[in-house]
C-alpha atoms as a PDB file:
ATOM      1  CA  MET A   1      44.594 -15.757  51.253  1.00  0.00           C
ATOM      2  CA  ALA A   2      43.330 -13.295  48.687  1.00  0.00           C
ATOM      3  CA  GLN A   3      40.195 -11.374  49.365  1.00  0.00           C
ATOM      4  CA  PRO A   4      37.513 -11.750  46.652  1.00  0.00           C
ATOM      5  CA  TYR A   5      36.356  -8.592  45.025  1.00  0.00           C
ATOM      6  CA  PRO A   6      33.102  -7.338  46.449  1.00  0.00           C
ATOM      7  CA  VAL A   7      30.112  -7.839  44.196  1.00  0.00           C
ATOM      8  CA  PRO A   8      28.828  -4.465  42.993  1.00  0.00           C
ATOM      9  CA  PRO A   9      25.196  -3.710  43.647  1.00  0.00           C
ATOM     10  CA  PRO A  10      22.871  -4.426  40.700  1.00  0.00           C
ATOM     11  CA  ARG A  11      22.489  -1.531  38.293  1.00  0.00           C
ATOM     12  CA  ARG A  12      19.117   0.019  37.883  1.00  0.00           C
ATOM     13  CA  ARG A  13      17.896  -0.268  34.321  1.00  0.00           C
ATOM     14  CA  TRP A  14      14.944   2.083  34.519  1.00  0.00           C
ATOM     15  CA  PRO A  15      16.908   5.086  33.120  1.00  0.00           C
ATOM     16  CA  LEU A  16      17.705   3.000  30.025  1.00  0.00           C
ATOM     17  CA  VAL A  17      14.073   1.926  29.673  1.00  0.00           C
ATOM     18  CA  VAL A  18      12.817   5.500  30.039  1.00  0.00           C
ATOM     19  CA  THR A  19      15.348   6.756  27.481  1.00  0.00           C
ATOM     20  CA  ALA A  20      14.357   4.040  25.005  1.00  0.00           C
ATOM     21  CA  LEU A  21      10.680   4.849  25.526  1.00  0.00           C
ATOM     22  CA  VAL A  22      11.233   8.566  24.896  1.00  0.00           C
ATOM     23  CA  VAL A  23      13.308   7.874  21.765  1.00  0.00           C
ATOM     24  CA  GLY A  24      10.634   5.485  20.499  1.00  0.00           C
ATOM     25  CA  LEU A  25       7.884   8.039  21.039  1.00  0.00           C
ATOM     26  CA  VAL A  26       9.840  10.774  19.260  1.00  0.00           C
ATOM     27  CA  VAL A  27      10.668   8.551  16.278  1.00  0.00           C
ATOM     28  CA  GLY A  28       7.094   7.252  16.111  1.00  0.00           C
ATOM     29  CA  ALA A  29       5.656  10.752  16.235  1.00  0.00           C
ATOM     30  CA  GLY A  30       8.023  11.804  13.454  1.00  0.00           C
ATOM     31  CA  ILE A  31       6.915   8.939  11.229  1.00  0.00           C
ATOM     32  CA  VAL A  32       3.240   9.642  11.875  1.00  0.00           C
ATOM     33  CA  GLY A  33       3.861  13.312  11.075  1.00  0.00           C
ATOM     34  CA  LEU A  34       5.521  12.440   7.778  1.00  0.00           C
ATOM     35  CA  VAL A  35       2.663  10.135   6.812  1.00  0.00           C
ATOM     36  CA  TRP A  36       0.152  12.803   7.767  1.00  0.00           C
ATOM     37  CA  ILE A  37       1.959  15.417   5.683  1.00  0.00           C
ATOM     38  CA  GLY A  38       2.103  13.005   2.752  1.00  0.00           C
ATOM     39  CA  SER A  39      -1.625  12.371   2.870  1.00  0.00           C
ATOM     40  CA  GLY A  40      -2.616  15.976   2.275  1.00  0.00           C
ATOM     41  CA  PRO A  41      -5.418  17.173   0.030  1.00  0.00           C
ATOM     42  CA  GLY A  42      -3.618  16.304  -3.209  1.00  0.00           C
ATOM     43  CA  ALA A  43      -2.658  12.797  -2.134  1.00  0.00           C
ATOM     44  CA  ALA A  44      -5.882  11.166  -3.334  1.00  0.00           C
ATOM     45  CA  ALA A  45      -5.551  12.681  -6.801  1.00  0.00           C
ATOM     46  CA  ALA A  46      -1.875  11.687  -6.946  1.00  0.00           C
ATOM     47  CA  ASP A  47      -2.761   8.108  -5.935  1.00  0.00           C
ATOM     48  CA  ALA A  48      -5.488   7.925  -8.586  1.00  0.00           C
ATOM     49  CA  ASP A  49      -3.119   9.280 -11.248  1.00  0.00           C
ATOM     50  CA  ALA A  50      -0.416   6.800 -10.225  1.00  0.00           C
ATOM     51  CA  ALA A  51      -2.935   3.947 -10.343  1.00  0.00           C
ATOM     52  CA  CYS A  52      -3.986   4.864 -13.866  1.00  0.00           C
ATOM     53  CA  ALA A  53      -0.357   5.238 -14.939  1.00  0.00           C
ATOM     54  CA  ALA A  54       0.299   1.683 -13.744  1.00  0.00           C
ATOM     55  CA  VAL A  55      -2.813   0.487 -15.588  1.00  0.00           C
ATOM     56  CA  ALA A  56      -1.573   2.131 -18.790  1.00  0.00           C
ATOM     57  CA  ARG A  57       1.742   0.217 -18.493  1.00  0.00           C
ATOM     58  CA  THR A  58       0.058  -3.133 -17.901  1.00  0.00           C
ATOM     59  CA  THR A  59      -0.550  -5.184 -21.012  1.00  0.00           C
ATOM     60  CA  SER A  60      -1.633  -8.467 -19.436  1.00  0.00           C
ATOM     61  CA  LEU A  61      -2.887  -9.863 -16.156  1.00  0.00           C
ATOM     62  CA  GLU A  62      -1.963 -13.433 -17.007  1.00  0.00           C
ATOM     63  CA  PRO A  63      -0.558 -14.724 -13.692  1.00  0.00           C
ATOM     64  CA  ASP A  64       1.308 -17.606 -15.352  1.00  0.00           C
ATOM     65  CA  THR A  65       3.282 -15.657 -17.944  1.00  0.00           C
ATOM     66  CA  GLN A  66       2.995 -11.978 -17.011  1.00  0.00           C
ATOM     67  CA  TYR A  67       3.159 -12.025 -13.216  1.00  0.00           C
ATOM     68  CA  ALA A  68       4.710  -8.545 -13.129  1.00  0.00           C
ATOM     69  CA  GLY A  69       1.621  -7.171 -14.879  1.00  0.00           C
ATOM     70  CA  PHE A  70      -0.627  -8.938 -12.395  1.00  0.00           C
ATOM     71  CA  GLN A  71       1.333  -7.443  -9.498  1.00  0.00           C
ATOM     72  CA  ARG A  72       1.355  -3.980 -11.098  1.00  0.00           C
ATOM     73  CA  TRP A  73      -2.422  -4.075 -11.537  1.00  0.00           C
ATOM     74  CA  GLY A  74      -2.774  -5.191  -7.923  1.00  0.00           C
ATOM     75  CA  ALA A  75      -0.683  -2.225  -6.797  1.00  0.00           C
ATOM     76  CA  ALA A  76      -2.806   0.087  -8.952  1.00  0.00           C
ATOM     77  CA  SER A  77      -5.918  -1.360  -7.340  1.00  0.00           C
ATOM     78  CA  GLN A  78      -4.515  -0.658  -3.875  1.00  0.00           C
ATOM     79  CA  LEU A  79      -3.599   2.920  -4.831  1.00  0.00           C
ATOM     80  CA  ALA A  80      -7.114   3.453  -6.153  1.00  0.00           C
ATOM     81  CA  ALA A  81      -8.543   2.064  -2.911  1.00  0.00           C
ATOM     82  CA  ALA A  82      -6.368   4.496  -0.933  1.00  0.00           C
ATOM     83  CA  ALA A  83      -7.591   7.374  -3.088  1.00  0.00           C
ATOM     84  CA  ALA A  84     -11.208   6.298  -2.579  1.00  0.00           C
ATOM     85  CA  GLU A  85     -10.645   6.159   1.178  1.00  0.00           C
ATOM     86  CA  GLN A  86      -9.647   9.829   1.159  1.00  0.00           C
ATOM     87  CA  GLU A  87     -12.072  11.037  -1.508  1.00  0.00           C
ATOM     88  CA  PRO A  88     -15.234   9.052  -2.270  1.00  0.00           C
ATOM     89  CA  ARG A  89     -15.287  10.283  -5.873  1.00  0.00           C
ATOM     90  CA  TYR A  90     -12.530   7.743  -6.609  1.00  0.00           C
ATOM     91  CA  GLN A  91     -14.645   4.776  -5.474  1.00  0.00           C
ATOM     92  CA  ALA A  92     -15.672   3.975  -9.062  1.00  0.00           C
ATOM     93  CA  LEU A  93     -11.992   3.773  -9.996  1.00  0.00           C
ATOM     94  CA  ALA A  94     -11.240   1.489  -7.058  1.00  0.00           C
ATOM     95  CA  ASP A  95     -14.137  -0.814  -7.940  1.00  0.00           C
ATOM     96  CA  ALA A  96     -13.218  -0.874 -11.634  1.00  0.00           C
ATOM     97  CA  LEU A  97      -9.589  -1.776 -10.983  1.00  0.00           C
ATOM     98  CA  LYS A  98     -10.479  -4.466  -8.468  1.00  0.00           C
ATOM     99  CA  ALA A  99     -12.906  -6.303 -10.787  1.00  0.00           C
ATOM    100  CA  PRO A 100     -10.360  -7.786 -13.259  1.00  0.00           C
ATOM    101  CA  LEU A 101      -8.178  -8.990 -10.381  1.00  0.00           C
ATOM    102  CA  GLU A 102     -11.113 -10.735  -8.761  1.00  0.00           C
ATOM    103  CA  ILE A 103     -11.965 -12.470 -12.025  1.00  0.00           C
ATOM    104  CA  VAL A 104      -8.395 -13.713 -12.472  1.00  0.00           C
ATOM    105  CA  MET A 105      -8.193 -14.890  -8.867  1.00  0.00           C
ATOM    106  CA  ARG A 106     -11.530 -16.671  -9.170  1.00  0.00           C
ATOM    107  CA  THR A 107     -11.010 -18.303 -12.581  1.00  0.00           C
ATOM    108  CA  PHE A 108      -7.194 -18.344 -12.914  1.00  0.00           C
ATOM    109  CA  GLU A 109      -7.653 -16.970 -16.427  1.00  0.00           C
ATOM    110  CA  ALA A 110      -7.154 -13.514 -17.855  1.00  0.00           C
ATOM    111  CA  SER A 111      -9.572 -13.974 -20.719  1.00  0.00           C
ATOM    112  CA  GLY A 112     -13.216 -14.331 -21.538  1.00  0.00           C
ATOM    113  CA  PRO A 113     -16.100 -11.927 -22.047  1.00  0.00           C
ATOM    114  CA  GLN A 114     -16.514 -11.049 -18.372  1.00  0.00           C
ATOM    115  CA  PHE A 115     -12.796 -10.343 -18.001  1.00  0.00           C
ATOM    116  CA  ASP A 116     -12.644  -8.305 -21.218  1.00  0.00           C
ATOM    117  CA  ALA A 117     -15.610  -6.193 -20.112  1.00  0.00           C
ATOM    118  CA  ALA A 118     -13.999  -5.566 -16.711  1.00  0.00           C
ATOM    119  CA  MET A 119     -10.704  -4.548 -18.334  1.00  0.00           C
ATOM    120  CA  ASN A 120     -12.448  -2.204 -20.759  1.00  0.00           C
ATOM    121  CA  ARG A 121     -14.420  -0.629 -17.923  1.00  0.00           C
ATOM    122  CA  ALA A 122     -11.268  -0.138 -15.834  1.00  0.00           C
ATOM    123  CA  ARG A 123      -9.394   1.493 -18.697  1.00  0.00           C
ATOM    124  CA  SER A 124     -12.421   3.646 -19.489  1.00  0.00           C
ATOM    125  CA  VAL A 125     -12.660   4.913 -15.900  1.00  0.00           C
ATOM    126  CA  CYS A 126      -8.966   5.802 -16.021  1.00  0.00           C
ATOM    127  CA  ASP A 127      -9.451   7.625 -19.310  1.00  0.00           C
ATOM    128  CA  ASP A 128     -12.263   9.675 -17.783  1.00  0.00           C
ATOM    129  CA  LEU A 129     -10.113  10.979 -14.898  1.00  0.00           C
END
């Protein structure tokens, strides 16, 4: 009768877990470092400039026919908010870019006197930068 092979003792997995933890910490620290480097003193101004560049390329916020413009303006609004978070002097820009989006989301229309005034104010704030 053949002898069965002996069952090997269970392997310890803690070296694998420790290695994975160390690799995760190193990669995470690297990503945080890159983000920190990218958010230096000029980052707020660059975000504000990029927001206004997106505003200049946006001709309509009509969500039914020009959804790309609506998304572009939303991205510009988020960039302006990021700039305002780093430097409070960009808060007026963030507020001005957010107003037309709020009107469209509330009324589902990109027209009317309130909307036109908000768009003109947003473009004016960008022009003043």
